[in-house]
Amino acid sequence: MPFANKDLDNIFLIGAGGFLGAICRFLLCEFVEAQLGTLSVNVLGSFMLGLIMYDTEYIGFISPKGKLALGTGFMGAFTTFSTFAVQSFTMPFFPALGNISANLFLTLTGVFLGRSVIKALSIRKG
């Protein structure tokens, strides 16, 4: 079945967001050492994704199209689970364990903090 115009619009939004997210990840990782750069983009991306995804539930500032472009496109390309996995695999056991623990704990904390910010803003809104 051929794509409808709506589908092509969504694909374009995701692609444009992904293009910008990949560039931002590259630029940030240019300034920060390998594992720390990956951890940084994953934590920052998780926080931002928490803001984006929970905005829909609590505030509604971001449109569904904005959620596609920012959440699926930008954040999907900005964060990188695969690089984290490869870096962890190539490290000695204890540093890898620390890297895995830091990524899991801090990214989940990032989502929680993003959600908390949105909830606090929704209470102030009203």
PDB file of N, CA and C in Angstrom:
ATOM      1  N   MET A   1       0.844  -1.178   0.000  1.00  0.00           N
ATOM      2  CA  MET A   1       0.000   0.000   0.000  1.00  0.00           C
ATOM      3  C   MET A   1       0.889   1.242   0.000  1.00  0.00           C
ATOM      4  N   PRO A   2       0.652   2.184  -0.892  1.00  0.00           N
ATOM      5  CA  PRO A   2       1.500   3.381  -0.960  1.00  0.00           C
ATOM      6  C   PRO A   2       1.317   4.267   0.271  1.00  0.00           C
ATOM      7  N   PHE A   3       2.351   5.058   0.525  1.00  0.00           N
ATOM      8  CA  PHE A   3       2.293   5.999   1.651  1.00  0.00           C
ATOM      9  C   PHE A   3       1.309   7.112   1.347  1.00  0.00           C
ATOM     10  N   ALA A   4       0.582   7.546   2.347  1.00  0.00           N
ATOM     11  CA  ALA A   4      -0.265   8.720   2.230  1.00  0.00           C
ATOM     12  C   ALA A   4       0.597   9.953   2.479  1.00  0.00           C
ATOM     13  N   ASN A   5       0.109  11.122   2.078  1.00  0.00           N
ATOM     14  CA  ASN A   5       0.860  12.365   2.304  1.00  0.00           C
ATOM     15  C   ASN A   5       1.176  12.564   3.780  1.00  0.00           C
ATOM     16  N   LYS A   6       0.240  12.183   4.649  1.00  0.00           N
ATOM     17  CA  LYS A   6       0.459  12.312   6.093  1.00  0.00           C
ATOM     18  C   LYS A   6       1.663  11.470   6.511  1.00  0.00           C
ATOM     19  N   ASP A   7       1.762  10.259   5.978  1.00  0.00           N
ATOM     20  CA  ASP A   7       2.892   9.389   6.300  1.00  0.00           C
ATOM     21  C   ASP A   7       4.206  10.004   5.818  1.00  0.00           C
ATOM     22  N   LEU A   8       4.201  10.569   4.624  1.00  0.00           N
ATOM     23  CA  LEU A   8       5.417  11.189   4.095  1.00  0.00           C
ATOM     24  C   LEU A   8       5.806  12.414   4.923  1.00  0.00           C
ATOM     25  N   ASP A   9       4.819  13.192   5.360  1.00  0.00           N
ATOM     26  CA  ASP A   9       5.101  14.336   6.228  1.00  0.00           C
ATOM     27  C   ASP A   9       5.760  13.868   7.523  1.00  0.00           C
ATOM     28  N   ASN A  10       5.211  12.799   8.116  1.00  0.00           N
ATOM     29  CA  ASN A  10       5.773  12.269   9.366  1.00  0.00           C
ATOM     30  C   ASN A  10       7.185  11.744   9.158  1.00  0.00           C
ATOM     31  N   ILE A  11       7.407  11.066   8.046  1.00  0.00           N
ATOM     32  CA  ILE A  11       8.738  10.541   7.737  1.00  0.00           C
ATOM     33  C   ILE A  11       9.727  11.693   7.570  1.00  0.00           C
ATOM     34  N   PHE A  12       9.293  12.758   6.905  1.00  0.00           N
ATOM     35  CA  PHE A  12      10.157  13.924   6.733  1.00  0.00           C
ATOM     36  C   PHE A  12      10.477  14.561   8.083  1.00  0.00           C
ATOM     37  N   LEU A  13       9.477  14.707   8.947  1.00  0.00           N
ATOM     38  CA  LEU A  13       9.706  15.290  10.276  1.00  0.00           C
ATOM     39  C   LEU A  13      10.700  14.462  11.081  1.00  0.00           C
ATOM     40  N   ILE A  14      10.529  13.156  11.071  1.00  0.00           N
ATOM     41  CA  ILE A  14      11.445  12.272  11.797  1.00  0.00           C
ATOM     42  C   ILE A  14      12.850  12.361  11.207  1.00  0.00           C
ATOM     43  N   GLY A  15      12.934  12.367   9.878  1.00  0.00           N
ATOM     44  CA  GLY A  15      14.233  12.466   9.210  1.00  0.00           C
ATOM     45  C   GLY A  15      14.945  13.777   9.499  1.00  0.00           C
ATOM     46  N   ALA A  16      14.206  14.885   9.460  1.00  0.00           N
ATOM     47  CA  ALA A  16      14.805  16.195   9.753  1.00  0.00           C
ATOM     48  C   ALA A  16      15.280  16.244  11.207  1.00  0.00           C
ATOM     49  N   GLY A  17      14.459  15.738  12.126  1.00  0.00           N
ATOM     50  CA  GLY A  17      14.860  15.687  13.529  1.00  0.00           C
ATOM     51  C   GLY A  17      16.076  14.804  13.720  1.00  0.00           C
ATOM     52  N   GLY A  18      16.090  13.656  13.055  1.00  0.00           N
ATOM     53  CA  GLY A  18      17.219  12.732  13.149  1.00  0.00           C
ATOM     54  C   GLY A  18      18.505  13.338  12.610  1.00  0.00           C
ATOM     55  N   PHE A  19      18.395  14.063  11.508  1.00  0.00           N
ATOM     56  CA  PHE A  19      19.554  14.741  10.921  1.00  0.00           C
ATOM     57  C   PHE A  19      20.177  15.699  11.934  1.00  0.00           C
ATOM     58  N   LEU A  20      19.344  16.527  12.551  1.00  0.00           N
ATOM     59  CA  LEU A  20      19.838  17.500  13.527  1.00  0.00           C
ATOM     60  C   LEU A  20      20.347  16.820  14.803  1.00  0.00           C
ATOM     61  N   GLY A  21      19.659  15.769  15.240  1.00  0.00           N
ATOM     62  CA  GLY A  21      20.090  15.046  16.438  1.00  0.00           C
ATOM     63  C   GLY A  21      21.452  14.398  16.254  1.00  0.00           C
ATOM     64  N   ALA A  22      21.679  13.808  15.087  1.00  0.00           N
ATOM     65  CA  ALA A  22      22.972  13.167  14.818  1.00  0.00           C
ATOM     66  C   ALA A  22      24.101  14.193  14.791  1.00  0.00           C
ATOM     67  N   ILE A  23      23.838  15.350  14.206  1.00  0.00           N
ATOM     68  CA  ILE A  23      24.851  16.409  14.168  1.00  0.00           C
ATOM     69  C   ILE A  23      25.156  16.903  15.576  1.00  0.00           C
ATOM     70  N   CYS A  24      24.119  17.119  16.375  1.00  0.00           N
ATOM     71  CA  CYS A  24      24.327  17.583  17.757  1.00  0.00           C
ATOM     72  C   CYS A  24      25.113  16.558  18.573  1.00  0.00           C
ATOM     73  N   ARG A  25      24.805  15.266  18.385  1.00  0.00           N
ATOM     74  CA  ARG A  25      25.565  14.233  19.103  1.00  0.00           C
ATOM     75  C   ARG A  25      27.032  14.280  18.691  1.00  0.00           C
ATOM     76  N   PHE A  26      27.284  14.374  17.403  1.00  0.00           N
ATOM     77  CA  PHE A  26      28.660  14.441  16.912  1.00  0.00           C
ATOM     78  C   PHE A  26      29.398  15.628  17.525  1.00  0.00           C
ATOM     79  N   LEU A  27      28.764  16.795  17.510  1.00  0.00           N
ATOM     80  CA  LEU A  27      29.411  18.000  18.038  1.00  0.00           C
ATOM     81  C   LEU A  27      29.684  17.885  19.532  1.00  0.00           C
ATOM     82  N   LEU A  28      28.724  17.384  20.291  1.00  0.00           N
ATOM     83  CA  LEU A  28      28.930  17.234  21.733  1.00  0.00           C
ATOM     84  C   LEU A  28      30.048  16.238  22.014  1.00  0.00           C
ATOM     85  N   CYS A  29      30.054  15.135  21.288  1.00  0.00           N
ATOM     86  CA  CYS A  29      31.070  14.095  21.517  1.00  0.00           C
ATOM     87  C   CYS A  29      32.458  14.533  21.053  1.00  0.00           C
ATOM     88  N   GLU A  30      32.554  15.567  20.229  1.00  0.00           N
ATOM     89  CA  GLU A  30      33.852  16.108  19.839  1.00  0.00           C
ATOM     90  C   GLU A  30      34.551  16.780  21.015  1.00  0.00           C
ATOM     91  N   PHE A  31      33.763  17.242  21.977  1.00  0.00           N
ATOM     92  CA  PHE A  31      34.314  17.982  23.101  1.00  0.00           C
ATOM     93  C   PHE A  31      34.494  17.136  24.355  1.00  0.00           C
ATOM     94  N   VAL A  32      33.963  15.922  24.345  1.00  0.00           N
ATOM     95  CA  VAL A  32      33.995  15.085  25.547  1.00  0.00           C
ATOM     96  C   VAL A  32      34.567  13.714  25.171  1.00  0.00           C
ATOM     97  N   GLU A  33      35.435  13.173  26.017  1.00  0.00           N
ATOM     98  CA  GLU A  33      36.091  11.876  25.799  1.00  0.00           C
ATOM     99  C   GLU A  33      35.066  10.768  25.557  1.00  0.00           C
ATOM    100  N   ALA A  34      35.444   9.745  24.847  1.00  0.00           N
ATOM    101  CA  ALA A  34      34.576   8.688  24.306  1.00  0.00           C
ATOM    102  C   ALA A  34      33.436   8.229  25.221  1.00  0.00           C
ATOM    103  N   GLN A  35      33.735   7.490  26.274  1.00  0.00           N
ATOM    104  CA  GLN A  35      32.677   6.936  27.118  1.00  0.00           C
ATOM    105  C   GLN A  35      31.887   8.045  27.820  1.00  0.00           C
ATOM    106  N   LEU A  36      32.574   9.094  28.245  1.00  0.00           N
ATOM    107  CA  LEU A  36      31.892  10.199  28.908  1.00  0.00           C
ATOM    108  C   LEU A  36      30.999  10.960  27.919  1.00  0.00           C
ATOM    109  N   GLY A  37      31.435  11.070  26.684  1.00  0.00           N
ATOM    110  CA  GLY A  37      30.613  11.706  25.649  1.00  0.00           C
ATOM    111  C   GLY A  37      29.338  10.920  25.397  1.00  0.00           C
ATOM    112  N   THR A  38      29.461   9.614  25.293  1.00  0.00           N
ATOM    113  CA  THR A  38      28.294   8.759  25.087  1.00  0.00           C
ATOM    114  C   THR A  38      27.358   8.832  26.282  1.00  0.00           C
ATOM    115  N   LEU A  39      27.926   8.777  27.479  1.00  0.00           N
ATOM    116  CA  LEU A  39      27.115   8.903  28.688  1.00  0.00           C
ATOM    117  C   LEU A  39      26.407  10.258  28.709  1.00  0.00           C
ATOM    118  N   SER A  40      27.109  11.311  28.340  1.00  0.00           N
ATOM    119  CA  SER A  40      26.533  12.659  28.341  1.00  0.00           C
ATOM    120  C   SER A  40      25.344  12.776  27.399  1.00  0.00           C
ATOM    121  N   VAL A  41      25.494  12.288  26.171  1.00  0.00           N
ATOM    122  CA  VAL A  41      24.366  12.402  25.234  1.00  0.00           C
ATOM    123  C   VAL A  41      23.200  11.519  25.672  1.00  0.00           C
ATOM    124  N   ASN A  42      23.494  10.366  26.245  1.00  0.00           N
ATOM    125  CA  ASN A  42      22.412   9.485  26.687  1.00  0.00           C
ATOM    126  C   ASN A  42      21.653  10.066  27.878  1.00  0.00           C
ATOM    127  N   VAL A  43      22.363  10.660  28.819  1.00  0.00           N
ATOM    128  CA  VAL A  43      21.700  11.246  29.997  1.00  0.00           C
ATOM    129  C   VAL A  43      20.932  12.507  29.590  1.00  0.00           C
ATOM    130  N   LEU A  44      21.578  13.397  28.856  1.00  0.00           N
ATOM    131  CA  LEU A  44      20.904  14.611  28.398  1.00  0.00           C
ATOM    132  C   LEU A  44      19.699  14.258  27.518  1.00  0.00           C
ATOM    133  N   GLY A  45      19.888  13.298  26.628  1.00  0.00           N
ATOM    134  CA  GLY A  45      18.793  12.867  25.760  1.00  0.00           C
ATOM    135  C   GLY A  45      17.647  12.239  26.530  1.00  0.00           C
ATOM    136  N   SER A  46      17.951  11.479  27.565  1.00  0.00           N
ATOM    137  CA  SER A  46      16.899  10.872  28.387  1.00  0.00           C
ATOM    138  C   SER A  46      16.112  11.935  29.135  1.00  0.00           C
ATOM    139  N   PHE A  47      16.812  12.924  29.664  1.00  0.00           N
ATOM    140  CA  PHE A  47      16.133  14.034  30.336  1.00  0.00           C
ATOM    141  C   PHE A  47      15.211  14.763  29.354  1.00  0.00           C
ATOM    142  N   MET A  48      15.753  15.091  28.194  1.00  0.00           N
ATOM    143  CA  MET A  48      14.960  15.809  27.194  1.00  0.00           C
ATOM    144  C   MET A  48      13.787  14.963  26.702  1.00  0.00           C
ATOM    145  N   LEU A  49      14.015  13.671  26.529  1.00  0.00           N
ATOM    146  CA  LEU A  49      12.930  12.787  26.107  1.00  0.00           C
ATOM    147  C   LEU A  49      11.854  12.707  27.184  1.00  0.00           C
ATOM    148  N   GLY A  50      12.268  12.711  28.453  1.00  0.00           N
ATOM    149  CA  GLY A  50      11.295  12.764  29.539  1.00  0.00           C
ATOM    150  C   GLY A  50      10.446  14.018  29.452  1.00  0.00           C
ATOM    151  N   LEU A  51      11.074  15.160  29.148  1.00  0.00           N
ATOM    152  CA  LEU A  51      10.325  16.404  28.973  1.00  0.00           C
ATOM    153  C   LEU A  51       9.333  16.290  27.810  1.00  0.00           C
ATOM    154  N   ILE A  52       9.823  15.794  26.688  1.00  0.00           N
ATOM    155  CA  ILE A  52       9.005  15.725  25.475  1.00  0.00           C
ATOM    156  C   ILE A  52       7.830  14.768  25.644  1.00  0.00           C
ATOM    157  N   MET A  53       8.094  13.577  26.117  1.00  0.00           N
ATOM    158  CA  MET A  53       7.047  12.558  26.190  1.00  0.00           C
ATOM    159  C   MET A  53       6.003  12.876  27.265  1.00  0.00           C
ATOM    160  N   TYR A  54       6.439  13.389  28.399  1.00  0.00           N
ATOM    161  CA  TYR A  54       5.477  13.676  29.458  1.00  0.00           C
ATOM    162  C   TYR A  54       4.763  15.003  29.260  1.00  0.00           C
ATOM    163  N   ASP A  55       5.309  15.877  28.415  1.00  0.00           N
ATOM    164  CA  ASP A  55       4.599  17.102  28.075  1.00  0.00           C
ATOM    165  C   ASP A  55       3.223  16.763  27.499  1.00  0.00           C
ATOM    166  N   THR A  56       3.166  15.778  26.643  1.00  0.00           N
ATOM    167  CA  THR A  56       1.911  15.369  26.011  1.00  0.00           C
ATOM    168  C   THR A  56       0.873  14.975  27.056  1.00  0.00           C
ATOM    169  N   GLU A  57       1.316  14.299  28.099  1.00  0.00           N
ATOM    170  CA  GLU A  57       0.402  13.808  29.125  1.00  0.00           C
ATOM    171  C   GLU A  57      -0.050  14.898  30.083  1.00  0.00           C
ATOM    172  N   TYR A  58       0.843  15.827  30.432  1.00  0.00           N
ATOM    173  CA  TYR A  58       0.544  16.787  31.494  1.00  0.00           C
ATOM    174  C   TYR A  58       0.258  18.215  31.016  1.00  0.00           C
ATOM    175  N   ILE A  59       0.922  18.675  29.958  1.00  0.00           N
ATOM    176  CA  ILE A  59       0.795  20.078  29.558  1.00  0.00           C
ATOM    177  C   ILE A  59       0.197  20.220  28.157  1.00  0.00           C
ATOM    178  N   GLY A  60       0.762  19.527  27.196  1.00  0.00           N
ATOM    179  CA  GLY A  60       0.268  19.611  25.827  1.00  0.00           C
ATOM    180  C   GLY A  60       0.855  20.752  25.025  1.00  0.00           C
ATOM    181  N   PHE A  61       2.015  21.250  25.421  1.00  0.00           N
ATOM    182  CA  PHE A  61       2.679  22.321  24.697  1.00  0.00           C
ATOM    183  C   PHE A  61       3.232  21.835  23.354  1.00  0.00           C
ATOM    184  N   ILE A  62       3.752  20.618  23.342  1.00  0.00           N
ATOM    185  CA  ILE A  62       4.354  20.055  22.126  1.00  0.00           C
ATOM    186  C   ILE A  62       3.274  19.314  21.341  1.00  0.00           C
ATOM    187  N   SER A  63       3.163  19.638  20.070  1.00  0.00           N
ATOM    188  CA  SER A  63       2.165  19.008  19.199  1.00  0.00           C
ATOM    189  C   SER A  63       2.577  17.571  18.881  1.00  0.00           C
ATOM    190  N   PRO A  64       1.632  16.770  18.379  1.00  0.00           N
ATOM    191  CA  PRO A  64       2.005  15.408  17.965  1.00  0.00           C
ATOM    192  C   PRO A  64       3.114  15.400  16.910  1.00  0.00           C
ATOM    193  N   LYS A  65       3.089  16.369  15.991  1.00  0.00           N
ATOM    194  CA  LYS A  65       4.150  16.436  14.976  1.00  0.00           C
ATOM    195  C   LYS A  65       5.482  16.838  15.612  1.00  0.00           C
ATOM    196  N   GLY A  66       5.421  17.736  16.586  1.00  0.00           N
ATOM    197  CA  GLY A  66       6.630  18.120  17.312  1.00  0.00           C
ATOM    198  C   GLY A  66       7.199  16.950  18.083  1.00  0.00           C
ATOM    199  N   LYS A  67       6.309  16.152  18.655  1.00  0.00           N
ATOM    200  CA  LYS A  67       6.738  14.952  19.383  1.00  0.00           C
ATOM    201  C   LYS A  67       7.447  13.978  18.440  1.00  0.00           C
ATOM    202  N   LEU A  68       6.929  13.830  17.224  1.00  0.00           N
ATOM    203  CA  LEU A  68       7.594  12.962  16.238  1.00  0.00           C
ATOM    204  C   LEU A  68       8.972  13.506  15.872  1.00  0.00           C
ATOM    205  N   ALA A  69       9.040  14.798  15.555  1.00  0.00           N
ATOM    206  CA  ALA A  69      10.309  15.392  15.125  1.00  0.00           C
ATOM    207  C   ALA A  69      11.331  15.401  16.267  1.00  0.00           C
ATOM    208  N   LEU A  70      10.900  15.822  17.445  1.00  0.00           N
ATOM    209  CA  LEU A  70      11.835  15.936  18.572  1.00  0.00           C
ATOM    210  C   LEU A  70      12.082  14.604  19.275  1.00  0.00           C
ATOM    211  N   GLY A  71      11.003  13.898  19.604  1.00  0.00           N
ATOM    212  CA  GLY A  71      11.133  12.659  20.371  1.00  0.00           C
ATOM    213  C   GLY A  71      11.699  11.508  19.558  1.00  0.00           C
ATOM    214  N   THR A  72      11.028  11.210  18.454  1.00  0.00           N
ATOM    215  CA  THR A  72      11.461  10.073  17.630  1.00  0.00           C
ATOM    216  C   THR A  72      12.685  10.420  16.794  1.00  0.00           C
ATOM    217  N   GLY A  73      12.649  11.563  16.112  1.00  0.00           N
ATOM    218  CA  GLY A  73      13.743  11.930  15.214  1.00  0.00           C
ATOM    219  C   GLY A  73      14.985  12.411  15.937  1.00  0.00           C
ATOM    220  N   PHE A  74      14.874  13.585  16.561  1.00  0.00           N
ATOM    221  CA  PHE A  74      16.046  14.203  17.179  1.00  0.00           C
ATOM    222  C   PHE A  74      16.627  13.338  18.291  1.00  0.00           C
ATOM    223  N   MET A  75      15.798  12.967  19.257  1.00  0.00           N
ATOM    224  CA  MET A  75      16.307  12.191  20.401  1.00  0.00           C
ATOM    225  C   MET A  75      16.750  10.792  19.985  1.00  0.00           C
ATOM    226  N   GLY A  76      16.069  10.223  18.993  1.00  0.00           N
ATOM    227  CA  GLY A  76      16.470   8.903  18.502  1.00  0.00           C
ATOM    228  C   GLY A  76      17.870   8.916  17.912  1.00  0.00           C
ATOM    229  N   ALA A  77      18.220  10.017  17.248  1.00  0.00           N
ATOM    230  CA  ALA A  77      19.559  10.119  16.649  1.00  0.00           C
ATOM    231  C   ALA A  77      20.581  10.693  17.629  1.00  0.00           C
ATOM    232  N   PHE A  78      20.128  11.514  18.556  1.00  0.00           N
ATOM    233  CA  PHE A  78      21.034  12.147  19.517  1.00  0.00           C
ATOM    234  C   PHE A  78      21.569  11.131  20.522  1.00  0.00           C
ATOM    235  N   THR A  79      20.693  10.285  21.034  1.00  0.00           N
ATOM    236  CA  THR A  79      21.122   9.264  21.995  1.00  0.00           C
ATOM    237  C   THR A  79      21.650   8.047  21.245  1.00  0.00           C
ATOM    238  N   THR A  80      22.417   7.209  21.936  1.00  0.00           N
ATOM    239  CA  THR A  80      23.037   6.089  21.233  1.00  0.00           C
ATOM    240  C   THR A  80      23.265   4.892  22.149  1.00  0.00           C
ATOM    241  N   PHE A  81      22.349   3.973  22.101  1.00  0.00           N
ATOM    242  CA  PHE A  81      22.502   2.748  22.884  1.00  0.00           C
ATOM    243  C   PHE A  81      23.589   1.856  22.274  1.00  0.00           C
ATOM    244  N   SER A  82      23.662   1.815  20.967  1.00  0.00           N
ATOM    245  CA  SER A  82      24.621   0.907  20.317  1.00  0.00           C
ATOM    246  C   SER A  82      26.059   1.293  20.623  1.00  0.00           C
ATOM    247  N   THR A  83      26.373   2.583  20.621  1.00  0.00           N
ATOM    248  CA  THR A  83      27.741   3.004  20.949  1.00  0.00           C
ATOM    249  C   THR A  83      28.065   2.677  22.400  1.00  0.00           C
ATOM    250  N   PHE A  84      27.091   2.918  23.282  1.00  0.00           N
ATOM    251  CA  PHE A  84      27.258   2.552  24.692  1.00  0.00           C
ATOM    252  C   PHE A  84      27.542   1.059  24.828  1.00  0.00           C
ATOM    253  N   ALA A  85      26.817   0.222  24.107  1.00  0.00           N
ATOM    254  CA  ALA A  85      27.004  -1.230  24.188  1.00  0.00           C
ATOM    255  C   ALA A  85      28.392  -1.637  23.688  1.00  0.00           C
ATOM    256  N   VAL A  86      28.806  -1.092  22.554  1.00  0.00           N
ATOM    257  CA  VAL A  86      30.118  -1.441  21.996  1.00  0.00           C
ATOM    258  C   VAL A  86      31.241  -0.960  22.917  1.00  0.00           C
ATOM    259  N   GLN A  87      31.128   0.267  23.415  1.00  0.00           N
ATOM    260  CA  GLN A  87      32.160   0.773  24.326  1.00  0.00           C
ATOM    261  C   GLN A  87      32.255  -0.090  25.576  1.00  0.00           C
ATOM    262  N   SER A  88      31.108  -0.475  26.132  1.00  0.00           N
ATOM    263  CA  SER A  88      31.109  -1.319  27.333  1.00  0.00           C
ATOM    264  C   SER A  88      31.740  -2.674  27.048  1.00  0.00           C
ATOM    265  N   PHE A  89      31.445  -3.239  25.893  1.00  0.00           N
ATOM    266  CA  PHE A  89      31.959  -4.550  25.521  1.00  0.00           C
ATOM    267  C   PHE A  89      33.477  -4.540  25.363  1.00  0.00           C
ATOM    268  N   THR A  90      34.028  -3.415  24.918  1.00  0.00           N
ATOM    269  CA  THR A  90      35.471  -3.347  24.668  1.00  0.00           C
ATOM    270  C   THR A  90      36.287  -2.954  25.899  1.00  0.00           C
ATOM    271  N   MET A  91      35.612  -2.646  27.002  1.00  0.00           N
ATOM    272  CA  MET A  91      36.308  -2.234  28.229  1.00  0.00           C
ATOM    273  C   MET A  91      36.626  -3.452  29.095  1.00  0.00           C
ATOM    274  N   PRO A  92      37.622  -3.329  29.988  1.00  0.00           N
ATOM    275  CA  PRO A  92      37.823  -4.378  30.991  1.00  0.00           C
ATOM    276  C   PRO A  92      36.572  -4.504  31.861  1.00  0.00           C
ATOM    277  N   PHE A  93      36.434  -5.633  32.547  1.00  0.00           N
ATOM    278  CA  PHE A  93      35.192  -5.967  33.246  1.00  0.00           C
ATOM    279  C   PHE A  93      34.709  -4.889  34.216  1.00  0.00           C
ATOM    280  N   PHE A  94      35.535  -4.470  35.160  1.00  0.00           N
ATOM    281  CA  PHE A  94      35.068  -3.529  36.195  1.00  0.00           C
ATOM    282  C   PHE A  94      34.763  -2.138  35.637  1.00  0.00           C
ATOM    283  N   PRO A  95      35.606  -1.585  34.752  1.00  0.00           N
ATOM    284  CA  PRO A  95      35.208  -0.317  34.134  1.00  0.00           C
ATOM    285  C   PRO A  95      33.919  -0.460  33.304  1.00  0.00           C
ATOM    286  N   ALA A  96      33.758  -1.593  32.637  1.00  0.00           N
ATOM    287  CA  ALA A  96      32.532  -1.824  31.865  1.00  0.00           C
ATOM    288  C   ALA A  96      31.322  -1.882  32.782  1.00  0.00           C
ATOM    289  N   LEU A  97      31.466  -2.552  33.897  1.00  0.00           N
ATOM    290  CA  LEU A  97      30.382  -2.625  34.877  1.00  0.00           C
ATOM    291  C   LEU A  97      30.012  -1.230  35.378  1.00  0.00           C
ATOM    292  N   GLY A  98      31.014  -0.402  35.626  1.00  0.00           N
ATOM    293  CA  GLY A  98      30.762   0.987  36.031  1.00  0.00           C
ATOM    294  C   GLY A  98      30.068   1.784  34.942  1.00  0.00           C
ATOM    295  N   ASN A  99      30.504   1.589  33.693  1.00  0.00           N
ATOM    296  CA  ASN A  99      29.901   2.289  32.557  1.00  0.00           C
ATOM    297  C   ASN A  99      28.440   1.871  32.376  1.00  0.00           C
ATOM    298  N   ILE A 100      28.188   0.583  32.471  1.00  0.00           N
ATOM    299  CA  ILE A 100      26.815   0.075  32.336  1.00  0.00           C
ATOM    300  C   ILE A 100      25.934   0.610  33.462  1.00  0.00           C
ATOM    301  N   SER A 101      26.448   0.552  34.679  1.00  0.00           N
ATOM    302  CA  SER A 101      25.685   1.042  35.834  1.00  0.00           C
ATOM    303  C   SER A 101      25.396   2.532  35.712  1.00  0.00           C
ATOM    304  N   ALA A 102      26.409   3.302  35.334  1.00  0.00           N
ATOM    305  CA  ALA A 102      26.222   4.750  35.194  1.00  0.00           C
ATOM    306  C   ALA A 102      25.189   5.064  34.118  1.00  0.00           C
ATOM    307  N   ASN A 103      25.283   4.391  32.978  1.00  0.00           N
ATOM    308  CA  ASN A 103      24.323   4.644  31.900  1.00  0.00           C
ATOM    309  C   ASN A 103      22.903   4.286  32.324  1.00  0.00           C
ATOM    310  N   LEU A 104      22.725   3.133  32.930  1.00  0.00           N
ATOM    311  CA  LEU A 104      21.375   2.729  33.333  1.00  0.00           C
ATOM    312  C   LEU A 104      20.800   3.657  34.397  1.00  0.00           C
ATOM    313  N   PHE A 105      21.569   3.894  35.448  1.00  0.00           N
ATOM    314  CA  PHE A 105      21.080   4.719  36.551  1.00  0.00           C
ATOM    315  C   PHE A 105      20.837   6.164  36.112  1.00  0.00           C
ATOM    316  N   LEU A 106      21.805   6.749  35.426  1.00  0.00           N
ATOM    317  CA  LEU A 106      21.699   8.165  35.075  1.00  0.00           C
ATOM    318  C   LEU A 106      20.673   8.439  33.974  1.00  0.00           C
ATOM    319  N   THR A 107      20.533   7.526  33.012  1.00  0.00           N
ATOM    320  CA  THR A 107      19.516   7.760  31.974  1.00  0.00           C
ATOM    321  C   THR A 107      18.110   7.616  32.555  1.00  0.00           C
ATOM    322  N   LEU A 108      17.904   6.628  33.421  1.00  0.00           N
ATOM    323  CA  LEU A 108      16.594   6.501  34.066  1.00  0.00           C
ATOM    324  C   LEU A 108      16.318   7.700  34.972  1.00  0.00           C
ATOM    325  N   THR A 109      17.345   8.179  35.648  1.00  0.00           N
ATOM    326  CA  THR A 109      17.197   9.381  36.468  1.00  0.00           C
ATOM    327  C   THR A 109      16.861  10.591  35.588  1.00  0.00           C
ATOM    328  N   GLY A 110      17.486  10.656  34.420  1.00  0.00           N
ATOM    329  CA  GLY A 110      17.196  11.745  33.482  1.00  0.00           C
ATOM    330  C   GLY A 110      15.735  11.770  33.074  1.00  0.00           C
ATOM    331  N   VAL A 111      15.180  10.613  32.730  1.00  0.00           N
ATOM    332  CA  VAL A 111      13.756  10.539  32.361  1.00  0.00           C
ATOM    333  C   VAL A 111      12.892  10.947  33.553  1.00  0.00           C
ATOM    334  N   PHE A 112      13.227  10.446  34.731  1.00  0.00           N
ATOM    335  CA  PHE A 112      12.476  10.788  35.935  1.00  0.00           C
ATOM    336  C   PHE A 112      12.506  12.294  36.189  1.00  0.00           C
ATOM    337  N   LEU A 113      13.676  12.914  36.058  1.00  0.00           N
ATOM    338  CA  LEU A 113      13.786  14.354  36.277  1.00  0.00           C
ATOM    339  C   LEU A 113      13.009  15.141  35.216  1.00  0.00           C
ATOM    340  N   GLY A 114      13.077  14.696  33.961  1.00  0.00           N
ATOM    341  CA  GLY A 114      12.298  15.351  32.907  1.00  0.00           C
ATOM    342  C   GLY A 114      10.814  15.293  33.205  1.00  0.00           C
ATOM    343  N   ARG A 115      10.353  14.130  33.625  1.00  0.00           N
ATOM    344  CA  ARG A 115       8.942  13.957  33.991  1.00  0.00           C
ATOM    345  C   ARG A 115       8.597  14.845  35.181  1.00  0.00           C
ATOM    346  N   SER A 116       9.478  14.917  36.164  1.00  0.00           N
ATOM    347  CA  SER A 116       9.235  15.730  37.354  1.00  0.00           C
ATOM    348  C   SER A 116       9.123  17.216  37.006  1.00  0.00           C
ATOM    349  N   VAL A 117       9.977  17.685  36.113  1.00  0.00           N
ATOM    350  CA  VAL A 117       9.917  19.085  35.673  1.00  0.00           C
ATOM    351  C   VAL A 117       8.564  19.362  35.009  1.00  0.00           C
ATOM    352  N   ILE A 118       8.146  18.474  34.126  1.00  0.00           N
ATOM    353  CA  ILE A 118       6.865  18.665  33.434  1.00  0.00           C
ATOM    354  C   ILE A 118       5.705  18.629  34.425  1.00  0.00           C
ATOM    355  N   LYS A 119       5.737  17.696  35.362  1.00  0.00           N
ATOM    356  CA  LYS A 119       4.670  17.635  36.367  1.00  0.00           C
ATOM    357  C   LYS A 119       4.631  18.912  37.192  1.00  0.00           C
ATOM    358  N   ALA A 120       5.793  19.426  37.591  1.00  0.00           N
ATOM    359  CA  ALA A 120       5.843  20.659  38.364  1.00  0.00           C
ATOM    360  C   ALA A 120       5.308  21.833  37.548  1.00  0.00           C
ATOM    361  N   LEU A 121       5.660  21.895  36.280  1.00  0.00           N
ATOM    362  CA  LEU A 121       5.151  22.963  35.426  1.00  0.00           C
ATOM    363  C   LEU A 121       3.641  22.854  35.224  1.00  0.00           C
ATOM    364  N   SER A 122       3.138  21.631  35.142  1.00  0.00           N
ATOM    365  CA  SER A 122       1.703  21.457  34.940  1.00  0.00           C
ATOM    366  C   SER A 122       0.920  21.892  36.184  1.00  0.00           C
ATOM    367  N   ILE A 123       1.499  21.716  37.362  1.00  0.00           N
ATOM    368  CA  ILE A 123       0.854  22.152  38.598  1.00  0.00           C
ATOM    369  C   ILE A 123       0.813  23.686  38.642  1.00  0.00           C
ATOM    370  N   ARG A 124       1.908  24.303  38.232  1.00  0.00           N
ATOM    371  CA  ARG A 124       1.959  25.774  38.204  1.00  0.00           C
ATOM    372  C   ARG A 124       1.003  26.329  37.164  1.00  0.00           C
ATOM    373  N   LYS A 125       0.856  25.615  36.045  1.00  0.00           N
ATOM    374  CA  LYS A 125      -0.031  26.058  34.971  1.00  0.00           C
ATOM    375  C   LYS A 125      -1.475  25.991  35.428  1.00  0.00           C
ATOM    376  N   GLY A 126      -1.754  24.938  36.218  1.00  0.00           N
ATOM    377  CA  GLY A 126      -2.944  24.758  36.671  1.00  0.00           C
ATOM    378  C   GLY A 126      -4.161  24.450  37.059  1.00  0.00           C
TER     379      GLY A 126
END
